[in-house]
C-alpha atoms as a PDB file:
ATOM      1  CA  MET A   1     -14.025  -0.948   9.642  1.00  0.00           C
ATOM      2  CA  VAL A   2     -16.972   0.776   7.658  1.00  0.00           C
ATOM      3  CA  GLU A   3     -16.406   4.404   6.459  1.00  0.00           C
ATOM      4  CA  LYS A   4     -20.258   6.367   7.007  1.00  0.00           C
ATOM      5  CA  LYS A   5     -20.802   9.657   4.981  1.00  0.00           C
ATOM      6  CA  LYS A   6     -23.621  11.739   4.821  1.00  0.00           C
ATOM      7  CA  ASN A   7     -24.505  13.002   0.571  1.00  0.00           C
ATOM      8  CA  GLN A   8     -26.320  15.421  -0.790  1.00  0.00           C
ATOM      9  CA  GLY A   9     -29.768  13.711  -0.152  1.00  0.00           C
ATOM     10  CA  GLU A  10     -29.377  13.086   3.794  1.00  0.00           C
ATOM     11  CA  HIS A  11     -28.924   9.316   2.866  1.00  0.00           C
ATOM     12  CA  ILE A  12     -25.437   7.340   4.981  1.00  0.00           C
ATOM     13  CA  ILE A  13     -23.302   6.139   2.703  1.00  0.00           C
ATOM     14  CA  GLU A  14     -21.346   2.658   4.322  1.00  0.00           C
ATOM     15  CA  ARG A  15     -18.926   1.786   2.339  1.00  0.00           C
ATOM     16  CA  PRO A  16     -15.982  -0.712   3.893  1.00  0.00           C
ATOM     17  CA  ILE A  17     -12.174  -0.239   4.345  1.00  0.00           C
ATOM     18  CA  ILE A  18      -9.314  -1.836   4.627  1.00  0.00           C
ATOM     19  CA  ASN A  19      -7.168  -0.209   7.407  1.00  0.00           C
ATOM     20  CA  VAL A  20      -3.887   0.128   7.303  1.00  0.00           C
ATOM     21  CA  LYS A  21      -2.383  -2.779   8.503  1.00  0.00           C
ATOM     22  CA  THR A  22      -4.157  -4.490   5.694  1.00  0.00           C
ATOM     23  CA  ALA A  23      -3.280  -2.853   3.150  1.00  0.00           C
ATOM     24  CA  THR A  24       0.282  -3.321   4.054  1.00  0.00           C
ATOM     25  CA  LYS A  25       0.354  -6.465   4.687  1.00  0.00           C
ATOM     26  CA  ILE A  26      -1.034  -6.727   0.643  1.00  0.00           C
ATOM     27  CA  ALA A  27       1.610  -3.655  -0.785  1.00  0.00           C
ATOM     28  CA  ALA A  28       4.192  -6.718   1.491  1.00  0.00           C
ATOM     29  CA  GLN A  29       2.988  -9.828   0.713  1.00  0.00           C
ATOM     30  CA  TYR A  30       2.686  -8.410  -3.786  1.00  0.00           C
ATOM     31  CA  LEU A  31       6.526  -7.089  -3.515  1.00  0.00           C
ATOM     32  CA  ASP A  32       7.575 -10.438  -2.662  1.00  0.00           C
ATOM     33  CA  LYS A  33       4.351 -12.174  -5.099  1.00  0.00           C
ATOM     34  CA  ILE A  34       5.929 -10.397  -7.965  1.00  0.00           C
ATOM     35  CA  VAL A  35      10.179  -9.084  -7.290  1.00  0.00           C
ATOM     36  CA  GLY A  36      11.140 -12.289  -5.125  1.00  0.00           C
ATOM     37  CA  SER A  37      14.140 -13.052  -3.300  1.00  0.00           C
ATOM     38  CA  VAL A  38      13.441  -9.977  -0.742  1.00  0.00           C
ATOM     39  CA  SER A  39      14.215  -9.687   2.704  1.00  0.00           C
ATOM     40  CA  ASN A  40      14.438  -6.373   5.531  1.00  0.00           C
ATOM     41  CA  ILE A  41      10.975  -5.099   4.343  1.00  0.00           C
ATOM     42  CA  ARG A  42      10.270  -2.331   6.005  1.00  0.00           C
ATOM     43  CA  ILE A  43       6.805   0.874   5.923  1.00  0.00           C
ATOM     44  CA  GLU A  44       8.821   3.893   4.518  1.00  0.00           C
ATOM     45  CA  GLU A  45       5.257   5.947   3.753  1.00  0.00           C
ATOM     46  CA  VAL A  46       1.683   5.724   4.373  1.00  0.00           C
ATOM     47  CA  GLU A  47      -0.763   7.886   2.892  1.00  0.00           C
ATOM     48  CA  MET A  48      -4.783   7.619   1.954  1.00  0.00           C
ATOM     49  CA  ASN A  49      -5.880   9.587  -0.353  1.00  0.00           C
ATOM     50  CA  GLU A  50      -8.393  12.755   0.471  1.00  0.00           C
ATOM     51  CA  GLU A  51     -11.973  10.493  -1.254  1.00  0.00           C
ATOM     52  CA  LYS A  52     -10.589   7.812   0.730  1.00  0.00           C
ATOM     53  CA  ILE A  53     -10.234   5.433  -2.310  1.00  0.00           C
ATOM     54  CA  LEU A  54      -6.751   4.828  -2.586  1.00  0.00           C
ATOM     55  CA  TRP A  55      -3.950   3.817  -0.600  1.00  0.00           C
ATOM     56  CA  PHE A  56      -0.367   4.660  -1.389  1.00  0.00           C
ATOM     57  CA  ILE A  57       2.374   2.474   0.331  1.00  0.00           C
ATOM     58  CA  THR A  58       6.011   3.186   0.194  1.00  0.00           C
ATOM     59  CA  LEU A  59       8.488  -0.333   0.911  1.00  0.00           C
ATOM     60  CA  GLY A  60      11.696  -0.278   1.602  1.00  0.00           C
ATOM     61  CA  TYR A  61      13.844  -3.654   0.925  1.00  0.00           C
ATOM     62  CA  SER A  62      16.834  -5.279   0.522  1.00  0.00           C
ATOM     63  CA  ASP A  63      18.040  -7.816  -2.293  1.00  0.00           C
ATOM     64  CA  GLN A  64      19.058 -10.998  -0.588  1.00  0.00           C
ATOM     65  CA  THR A  65      20.385 -11.913  -3.964  1.00  0.00           C
ATOM     66  CA  ASP A  66      23.017  -9.078  -3.432  1.00  0.00           C
ATOM     67  CA  TYR A  67      24.342  -8.065  -0.468  1.00  0.00           C
ATOM     68  CA  MET A  68      25.666  -5.186  -0.606  1.00  0.00           C
ATOM     69  CA  ALA A  69      22.984  -3.392  -1.909  1.00  0.00           C
ATOM     70  CA  GLU A  70      21.380  -0.664  -0.837  1.00  0.00           C
ATOM     71  CA  THR A  71      17.817  -0.446  -0.001  1.00  0.00           C
ATOM     72  CA  LYS A  72      15.033  -0.443  -2.529  1.00  0.00           C
ATOM     73  CA  TYR A  73      11.787   1.342  -2.303  1.00  0.00           C
ATOM     74  CA  LYS A  74       8.598   1.038  -4.040  1.00  0.00           C
ATOM     75  CA  LYS A  75       5.389   2.728  -3.857  1.00  0.00           C
ATOM     76  CA  PHE A  76       2.219   1.074  -3.992  1.00  0.00           C
ATOM     77  CA  THR A  77      -1.513   2.215  -5.505  1.00  0.00           C
ATOM     78  CA  ILE A  78      -4.487  -0.434  -3.061  1.00  0.00           C
ATOM     79  CA  ASN A  79      -7.771  -0.196  -3.163  1.00  0.00           C
ATOM     80  CA  ALA A  80      -8.743   0.909   0.136  1.00  0.00           C
ATOM     81  CA  ASP A  81     -12.400  -1.195  -0.250  1.00  0.00           C
ATOM     82  CA  ASN A  82     -11.428  -4.388  -1.835  1.00  0.00           C
ATOM     83  CA  GLY A  83      -7.004  -5.052  -1.317  1.00  0.00           C
ATOM     84  CA  GLU A  84      -6.626  -4.746  -5.234  1.00  0.00           C
ATOM     85  CA  VAL A  85      -3.203  -3.584  -5.767  1.00  0.00           C
ATOM     86  CA  TYR A  86      -3.537  -0.749  -9.133  1.00  0.00           C
ATOM     87  CA  SER A  87       0.063  -0.369  -9.484  1.00  0.00           C
ATOM     88  CA  MET A  88       3.840  -1.087  -7.753  1.00  0.00           C
ATOM     89  CA  LYS A  89       6.625   1.418  -8.963  1.00  0.00           C
ATOM     90  CA  ILE A  90      10.027   2.561  -8.253  1.00  0.00           C
ATOM     91  CA  ARG A  91      10.261   5.262  -5.581  1.00  0.00           C
ATOM     92  CA  LYS A  92      13.677   6.421  -5.310  1.00  0.00           C
ATOM     93  CA  ILE A  93      14.989   8.281  -2.700  1.00  0.00           C
ATOM     94  CA  ARG A  94      17.462  10.753  -2.635  1.00  0.00           C
END
């Protein structure tokens, strides 16, 4: 997908943007790579910032080593241009 936007000089600026499905897949792969031993990965929240530069993806998952554990949540910040993961944070749900 390519975003076309006019700037102040009325020139069209094109920049590629990864879609939400790709951003979510990147977050899930990153979670599995860093945390490991995860199962039941679910999409909980998805948001793009106003500037359309960052995706914020929240995933819920279970720890495979603890079958009685509660669902854990991680929030990812992903570059919408190239898919680079900027951060993975604990997301607490009440």
